[in-house]
Amino acid sequence: MTSLVLGVWALLAQPTLEPAAPRFTECLPGETASCACSSQLGMTIPGRALCTDSGRWAACGCEEAWPYLGPSCGSIECPPVAPESGGYDGRHCCTEGGACGIESPEAFGASGPCVEIGHDLGGVPDEEACGLRIPFVETVSCCRSDDRCGIWFPYANWDQVGCMEQAEVASYLKGNFVLRLLLIFNPFSLDDVETRNCVHPGD
């Protein structure tokens, strides 16, 4: 009986805090906001979210562990990541080489890659030379600084990766079992995707 009473009290004592900001909401770099944080004991406790230099909210950090320094890979500090909202949103990971990366099991499968950040941040939108439509997947075609066509993922945190080569993204998507099922009766094939050339305006 005592444990039941304590359990009910714990639930009632948890503060009802909303996340710092909805998905993709812009903010002022350095700004902080209250949010709901999950403690090591699984309790909902007050936390704060930090607005990153890119003007997006990072994940909620518990006030007991503030300041929130962001994720890391060994001794390397990685850029803060925005809260995930499902779908193909990316999350922090560390590559096999120990570099900061982004991954999405929903997009690339449970054994999908951890893609190193800073792939090609100098890419520019280019639908004319690089236009590629992958059924059931929202993408933006881009021209990389090495004059190779690429793909941006318009989902949370993938902006840290940048413009990925088209064939590379197609190979990653092969790990998406649901997508492969949807493409069975579709004329589009991930195997046919090849990275084309383009002319980057910075050349």
C-alpha atoms as a PDB file:
ATOM      1  CA  MET A   1       0.000   0.000   0.000  1.00  0.00           C
ATOM      2  CA  THR A   2       2.836   2.374   0.923  1.00  0.00           C
ATOM      3  CA  SER A   3       4.559   1.854  -2.445  1.00  0.00           C
ATOM      4  CA  LEU A   4       1.254   2.483  -4.275  1.00  0.00           C
ATOM      5  CA  VAL A   5       0.725   5.764  -2.412  1.00  0.00           C
ATOM      6  CA  LEU A   6       4.281   6.869  -3.139  1.00  0.00           C
ATOM      7  CA  GLY A   7       3.812   6.005  -6.828  1.00  0.00           C
ATOM      8  CA  VAL A   8       0.633   8.062  -7.085  1.00  0.00           C
ATOM      9  CA  TRP A   9       2.324  10.959  -5.272  1.00  0.00           C
ATOM     10  CA  ALA A  10       5.268  10.823  -7.678  1.00  0.00           C
ATOM     11  CA  LEU A  11       2.979  11.077 -10.675  1.00  0.00           C
ATOM     12  CA  LEU A  12       1.054  13.991  -9.208  1.00  0.00           C
ATOM     13  CA  ALA A  13       4.258  15.773  -8.206  1.00  0.00           C
ATOM     14  CA  GLN A  14       5.691  15.813 -11.691  1.00  0.00           C
ATOM     15  CA  PRO A  15       5.495  19.293 -13.215  1.00  0.00           C
ATOM     16  CA  THR A  16       3.514  19.696 -16.406  1.00  0.00           C
ATOM     17  CA  LEU A  17       6.012  21.512 -18.602  1.00  0.00           C
ATOM     18  CA  GLU A  18       5.759  21.902 -22.332  1.00  0.00           C
ATOM     19  CA  PRO A  19       8.742  21.435 -24.659  1.00  0.00           C
ATOM     20  CA  ALA A  20      10.781  24.579 -25.176  1.00  0.00           C
ATOM     21  CA  ALA A  21       9.497  25.121 -28.693  1.00  0.00           C
ATOM     22  CA  PRO A  22       7.698  23.270 -31.473  1.00  0.00           C
ATOM     23  CA  ARG A  23       9.556  21.688 -34.361  1.00  0.00           C
ATOM     24  CA  PHE A  24      11.556  24.051 -36.567  1.00  0.00           C
ATOM     25  CA  THR A  25      10.686  27.109 -34.469  1.00  0.00           C
ATOM     26  CA  GLU A  26      13.387  29.740 -34.812  1.00  0.00           C
ATOM     27  CA  CYS A  27      15.030  31.348 -31.810  1.00  0.00           C
ATOM     28  CA  LEU A  28      17.809  33.761 -30.924  1.00  0.00           C
ATOM     29  CA  PRO A  29      21.248  32.099 -30.483  1.00  0.00           C
ATOM     30  CA  GLY A  30      22.114  31.856 -26.812  1.00  0.00           C
ATOM     31  CA  GLU A  31      18.469  32.137 -25.710  1.00  0.00           C
ATOM     32  CA  THR A  32      17.170  29.591 -23.190  1.00  0.00           C
ATOM     33  CA  ALA A  33      13.655  28.396 -22.410  1.00  0.00           C
ATOM     34  CA  SER A  34      11.978  26.146 -19.862  1.00  0.00           C
ATOM     35  CA  CYS A  35      11.120  22.611 -20.931  1.00  0.00           C
ATOM     36  CA  ALA A  36      10.269  19.188 -19.555  1.00  0.00           C
ATOM     37  CA  CYS A  37      13.290  16.987 -18.871  1.00  0.00           C
ATOM     38  CA  SER A  38      13.470  13.282 -18.014  1.00  0.00           C
ATOM     39  CA  SER A  39      15.786  12.605 -15.074  1.00  0.00           C
ATOM     40  CA  GLN A  40      17.938   9.508 -14.583  1.00  0.00           C
ATOM     41  CA  LEU A  41      15.174   8.097 -12.388  1.00  0.00           C
ATOM     42  CA  GLY A  42      12.593   8.557 -15.141  1.00  0.00           C
ATOM     43  CA  MET A  43      10.926  11.486 -13.423  1.00  0.00           C
ATOM     44  CA  THR A  44       9.827  14.600 -15.316  1.00  0.00           C
ATOM     45  CA  ILE A  45      11.753  17.506 -13.867  1.00  0.00           C
ATOM     46  CA  PRO A  46      12.372  21.125 -14.927  1.00  0.00           C
ATOM     47  CA  GLY A  47      14.931  21.634 -17.655  1.00  0.00           C
ATOM     48  CA  ARG A  48      16.192  24.257 -20.055  1.00  0.00           C
ATOM     49  CA  ALA A  49      16.762  24.217 -23.789  1.00  0.00           C
ATOM     50  CA  LEU A  50      19.510  26.205 -25.460  1.00  0.00           C
ATOM     51  CA  CYS A  51      19.139  27.998 -28.793  1.00  0.00           C
ATOM     52  CA  THR A  52      22.110  26.995 -30.955  1.00  0.00           C
ATOM     53  CA  ASP A  53      24.158  29.229 -33.242  1.00  0.00           C
ATOM     54  CA  SER A  54      22.002  28.046 -36.174  1.00  0.00           C
ATOM     55  CA  GLY A  55      18.914  29.555 -34.513  1.00  0.00           C
ATOM     56  CA  ARG A  56      17.266  26.242 -33.579  1.00  0.00           C
ATOM     57  CA  TRP A  57      16.426  24.737 -30.218  1.00  0.00           C
ATOM     58  CA  ALA A  58      18.731  22.036 -28.901  1.00  0.00           C
ATOM     59  CA  ALA A  59      17.483  19.097 -26.867  1.00  0.00           C
ATOM     60  CA  CYS A  60      16.171  19.800 -23.387  1.00  0.00           C
ATOM     61  CA  GLY A  61      18.845  19.599 -20.697  1.00  0.00           C
ATOM     62  CA  CYS A  62      17.992  18.888 -17.060  1.00  0.00           C
ATOM     63  CA  GLU A  63      18.710  21.833 -14.791  1.00  0.00           C
ATOM     64  CA  GLU A  64      20.534  19.487 -12.434  1.00  0.00           C
ATOM     65  CA  ALA A  65      23.095  18.952 -15.229  1.00  0.00           C
ATOM     66  CA  TRP A  66      23.093  22.509 -16.646  1.00  0.00           C
ATOM     67  CA  PRO A  67      24.861  23.984 -18.554  1.00  0.00           C
ATOM     68  CA  TYR A  68      23.900  21.761 -21.451  1.00  0.00           C
ATOM     69  CA  LEU A  69      27.117  21.231 -23.399  1.00  0.00           C
ATOM     70  CA  GLY A  70      25.644  19.161 -26.194  1.00  0.00           C
ATOM     71  CA  PRO A  71      26.579  15.651 -27.283  1.00  0.00           C
ATOM     72  CA  SER A  72      30.153  14.471 -27.677  1.00  0.00           C
ATOM     73  CA  CYS A  73      32.221  11.716 -29.273  1.00  0.00           C
ATOM     74  CA  GLY A  74      35.037  10.950 -26.891  1.00  0.00           C
ATOM     75  CA  SER A  75      36.899  14.199 -26.310  1.00  0.00           C
ATOM     76  CA  ILE A  76      35.215  15.862 -29.312  1.00  0.00           C
ATOM     77  CA  GLU A  77      32.327  18.224 -28.571  1.00  0.00           C
ATOM     78  CA  CYS A  78      29.601  17.890 -31.200  1.00  0.00           C
ATOM     79  CA  PRO A  79      27.076  20.563 -32.215  1.00  0.00           C
ATOM     80  CA  PRO A  80      23.837  20.521 -30.187  1.00  0.00           C
ATOM     81  CA  VAL A  81      20.954  18.743 -31.876  1.00  0.00           C
ATOM     82  CA  ALA A  82      17.346  19.869 -32.109  1.00  0.00           C
ATOM     83  CA  PRO A  83      14.606  17.698 -30.543  1.00  0.00           C
ATOM     84  CA  GLU A  84      13.344  14.899 -32.784  1.00  0.00           C
ATOM     85  CA  SER A  85       9.706  14.869 -33.854  1.00  0.00           C
ATOM     86  CA  GLY A  86       9.658  11.475 -35.537  1.00  0.00           C
ATOM     87  CA  GLY A  87       9.834  10.575 -39.202  1.00  0.00           C
ATOM     88  CA  TYR A  88      13.274  10.933 -40.757  1.00  0.00           C
ATOM     89  CA  ASP A  89      14.540  13.425 -38.178  1.00  0.00           C
ATOM     90  CA  GLY A  90      18.196  12.820 -37.380  1.00  0.00           C
ATOM     91  CA  ARG A  91      19.764  12.215 -34.003  1.00  0.00           C
ATOM     92  CA  HIS A  92      23.303  12.448 -32.679  1.00  0.00           C
ATOM     93  CA  CYS A  93      25.693   9.552 -33.184  1.00  0.00           C
ATOM     94  CA  CYS A  94      29.423   8.870 -33.398  1.00  0.00           C
ATOM     95  CA  THR A  95      30.982   7.356 -36.512  1.00  0.00           C
ATOM     96  CA  GLU A  96      33.275   4.327 -36.323  1.00  0.00           C
ATOM     97  CA  GLY A  97      36.169   6.758 -36.625  1.00  0.00           C
ATOM     98  CA  GLY A  98      34.963   8.708 -33.593  1.00  0.00           C
ATOM     99  CA  ALA A  99      33.647  11.728 -35.491  1.00  0.00           C
ATOM    100  CA  CYS A 100      30.361  13.541 -34.795  1.00  0.00           C
ATOM    101  CA  GLY A 101      27.511  12.315 -36.958  1.00  0.00           C
ATOM    102  CA  ILE A 102      23.776  12.111 -37.550  1.00  0.00           C
ATOM    103  CA  GLU A 103      21.719   8.945 -37.955  1.00  0.00           C
ATOM    104  CA  SER A 104      18.096   7.976 -38.564  1.00  0.00           C
ATOM    105  CA  PRO A 105      16.987   4.350 -38.107  1.00  0.00           C
ATOM    106  CA  GLU A 106      13.611   5.336 -39.569  1.00  0.00           C
ATOM    107  CA  ALA A 107      15.228   6.544 -42.793  1.00  0.00           C
ATOM    108  CA  PHE A 108      18.113   4.108 -43.223  1.00  0.00           C
ATOM    109  CA  GLY A 109      17.110   1.102 -41.130  1.00  0.00           C
ATOM    110  CA  ALA A 110      18.220  -0.144 -37.721  1.00  0.00           C
ATOM    111  CA  SER A 111      21.713  -0.949 -39.009  1.00  0.00           C
ATOM    112  CA  GLY A 112      21.937   2.237 -41.080  1.00  0.00           C
ATOM    113  CA  PRO A 113      25.022   4.432 -41.095  1.00  0.00           C
ATOM    114  CA  CYS A 114      26.088   7.233 -38.834  1.00  0.00           C
ATOM    115  CA  VAL A 115      26.760   9.964 -41.395  1.00  0.00           C
ATOM    116  CA  GLU A 116      29.572  12.325 -40.464  1.00  0.00           C
ATOM    117  CA  ILE A 117      28.533  15.960 -40.157  1.00  0.00           C
ATOM    118  CA  GLY A 118      29.951  18.573 -42.511  1.00  0.00           C
ATOM    119  CA  HIS A 119      29.587  16.387 -45.616  1.00  0.00           C
ATOM    120  CA  ASP A 120      29.315  19.378 -47.925  1.00  0.00           C
ATOM    121  CA  LEU A 121      27.904  22.436 -46.238  1.00  0.00           C
ATOM    122  CA  GLY A 122      28.666  24.566 -49.296  1.00  0.00           C
ATOM    123  CA  GLY A 123      26.080  22.856 -51.493  1.00  0.00           C
ATOM    124  CA  VAL A 124      23.439  24.967 -53.225  1.00  0.00           C
ATOM    125  CA  PRO A 125      19.899  24.054 -54.398  1.00  0.00           C
ATOM    126  CA  ASP A 126      19.919  22.824 -57.994  1.00  0.00           C
ATOM    127  CA  GLU A 127      16.786  21.180 -59.352  1.00  0.00           C
ATOM    128  CA  GLU A 128      17.720  21.801 -62.994  1.00  0.00           C
ATOM    129  CA  ALA A 129      20.943  19.796 -63.169  1.00  0.00           C
ATOM    130  CA  CYS A 130      20.468  17.567 -60.135  1.00  0.00           C
ATOM    131  CA  GLY A 131      16.695  17.142 -59.871  1.00  0.00           C
ATOM    132  CA  LEU A 132      15.930  13.731 -58.372  1.00  0.00           C
ATOM    133  CA  ARG A 133      12.598  12.530 -57.016  1.00  0.00           C
ATOM    134  CA  ILE A 134      12.651   9.513 -54.714  1.00  0.00           C
ATOM    135  CA  PRO A 135       9.078   8.253 -54.226  1.00  0.00           C
ATOM    136  CA  PHE A 136       7.745   8.480 -50.660  1.00  0.00           C
ATOM    137  CA  VAL A 137      10.816  10.459 -49.488  1.00  0.00           C
ATOM    138  CA  GLU A 138      10.992  14.239 -49.263  1.00  0.00           C
ATOM    139  CA  THR A 139      14.343  15.517 -50.524  1.00  0.00           C
ATOM    140  CA  VAL A 140      15.925  18.653 -51.957  1.00  0.00           C
ATOM    141  CA  SER A 141      18.388  18.331 -54.836  1.00  0.00           C
ATOM    142  CA  CYS A 142      21.642  20.250 -54.500  1.00  0.00           C
ATOM    143  CA  CYS A 143      24.947  20.826 -56.262  1.00  0.00           C
ATOM    144  CA  ARG A 144      27.987  20.116 -54.114  1.00  0.00           C
ATOM    145  CA  SER A 145      31.139  22.205 -54.049  1.00  0.00           C
ATOM    146  CA  ASP A 146      32.939  19.346 -55.844  1.00  0.00           C
ATOM    147  CA  ASP A 147      30.529  19.677 -58.818  1.00  0.00           C
ATOM    148  CA  ARG A 148      28.675  16.486 -57.918  1.00  0.00           C
ATOM    149  CA  CYS A 149      24.908  16.290 -57.504  1.00  0.00           C
ATOM    150  CA  GLY A 150      23.616  15.645 -54.040  1.00  0.00           C
ATOM    151  CA  ILE A 151      20.603  15.493 -51.775  1.00  0.00           C
ATOM    152  CA  TRP A 152      19.619  17.477 -48.727  1.00  0.00           C
ATOM    153  CA  PHE A 153      17.337  15.863 -46.161  1.00  0.00           C
ATOM    154  CA  PRO A 154      14.832  18.567 -45.052  1.00  0.00           C
ATOM    155  CA  TYR A 155      14.426  16.980 -41.641  1.00  0.00           C
ATOM    156  CA  ALA A 156      15.654  18.050 -38.217  1.00  0.00           C
ATOM    157  CA  ASN A 157      19.434  18.003 -37.713  1.00  0.00           C
ATOM    158  CA  TRP A 158      20.344  16.846 -41.223  1.00  0.00           C
ATOM    159  CA  ASP A 159      21.440  20.411 -41.985  1.00  0.00           C
ATOM    160  CA  GLN A 160      24.573  19.547 -40.002  1.00  0.00           C
ATOM    161  CA  VAL A 161      25.443  16.892 -42.604  1.00  0.00           C
ATOM    162  CA  GLY A 162      24.875  19.021 -45.696  1.00  0.00           C
ATOM    163  CA  CYS A 163      24.591  17.953 -49.322  1.00  0.00           C
ATOM    164  CA  MET A 164      25.141  14.173 -49.587  1.00  0.00           C
ATOM    165  CA  GLU A 165      25.934  12.498 -52.915  1.00  0.00           C
ATOM    166  CA  GLN A 166      22.814  11.107 -54.586  1.00  0.00           C
ATOM    167  CA  ALA A 167      24.123   7.547 -55.021  1.00  0.00           C
ATOM    168  CA  GLU A 168      25.285   7.556 -51.405  1.00  0.00           C
ATOM    169  CA  VAL A 169      21.822   8.461 -50.107  1.00  0.00           C
ATOM    170  CA  ALA A 170      20.213   5.834 -52.361  1.00  0.00           C
ATOM    171  CA  SER A 171      22.511   3.172 -50.917  1.00  0.00           C
ATOM    172  CA  TYR A 172      21.579   4.230 -47.379  1.00  0.00           C
ATOM    173  CA  LEU A 173      17.851   4.091 -48.171  1.00  0.00           C
ATOM    174  CA  LYS A 174      18.169   0.439 -49.168  1.00  0.00           C
ATOM    175  CA  GLY A 175      18.189  -0.297 -45.446  1.00  0.00           C
ATOM    176  CA  ASN A 176      14.668   1.149 -45.149  1.00  0.00           C
ATOM    177  CA  PHE A 177      12.521  -1.999 -45.278  1.00  0.00           C
ATOM    178  CA  VAL A 178       9.216  -0.099 -45.453  1.00  0.00           C
ATOM    179  CA  LEU A 179      10.432   2.003 -48.378  1.00  0.00           C
ATOM    180  CA  ARG A 180      11.641  -1.065 -50.245  1.00  0.00           C
ATOM    181  CA  LEU A 181       8.183  -2.625 -49.880  1.00  0.00           C
ATOM    182  CA  LEU A 182       6.526   0.535 -51.195  1.00  0.00           C
ATOM    183  CA  LEU A 183       8.835   0.534 -54.221  1.00  0.00           C
ATOM    184  CA  ILE A 184       8.121  -3.073 -55.243  1.00  0.00           C
ATOM    185  CA  PHE A 185       5.460  -2.029 -57.750  1.00  0.00           C
ATOM    186  CA  ASN A 186       7.021   1.343 -58.541  1.00  0.00           C
ATOM    187  CA  PRO A 187       9.140   1.870 -61.674  1.00  0.00           C
ATOM    188  CA  PHE A 188      11.687   3.791 -59.591  1.00  0.00           C
ATOM    189  CA  SER A 189      14.671   1.760 -58.380  1.00  0.00           C
ATOM    190  CA  LEU A 190      17.264   2.824 -55.824  1.00  0.00           C
ATOM    191  CA  ASP A 191      19.778   0.684 -57.720  1.00  0.00           C
ATOM    192  CA  ASP A 192      19.499   2.984 -60.737  1.00  0.00           C
ATOM    193  CA  VAL A 193      20.461   6.154 -58.887  1.00  0.00           C
ATOM    194  CA  GLU A 194      23.806   7.508 -60.018  1.00  0.00           C
ATOM    195  CA  THR A 195      25.490  10.705 -58.897  1.00  0.00           C
ATOM    196  CA  ARG A 196      25.436  13.198 -61.755  1.00  0.00           C
ATOM    197  CA  ASN A 197      27.688  16.164 -62.355  1.00  0.00           C
ATOM    198  CA  CYS A 198      26.758  19.818 -61.967  1.00  0.00           C
ATOM    199  CA  VAL A 199      28.428  23.206 -61.989  1.00  0.00           C
ATOM    200  CA  HIS A 200      28.707  24.810 -58.587  1.00  0.00           C
ATOM    201  CA  PRO A 201      28.275  28.617 -58.760  1.00  0.00           C
ATOM    202  CA  GLY A 202      31.431  29.029 -56.709  1.00  0.00           C
ATOM    203  CA  ASP A 203      33.621  27.578 -59.469  1.00  0.00           C
END
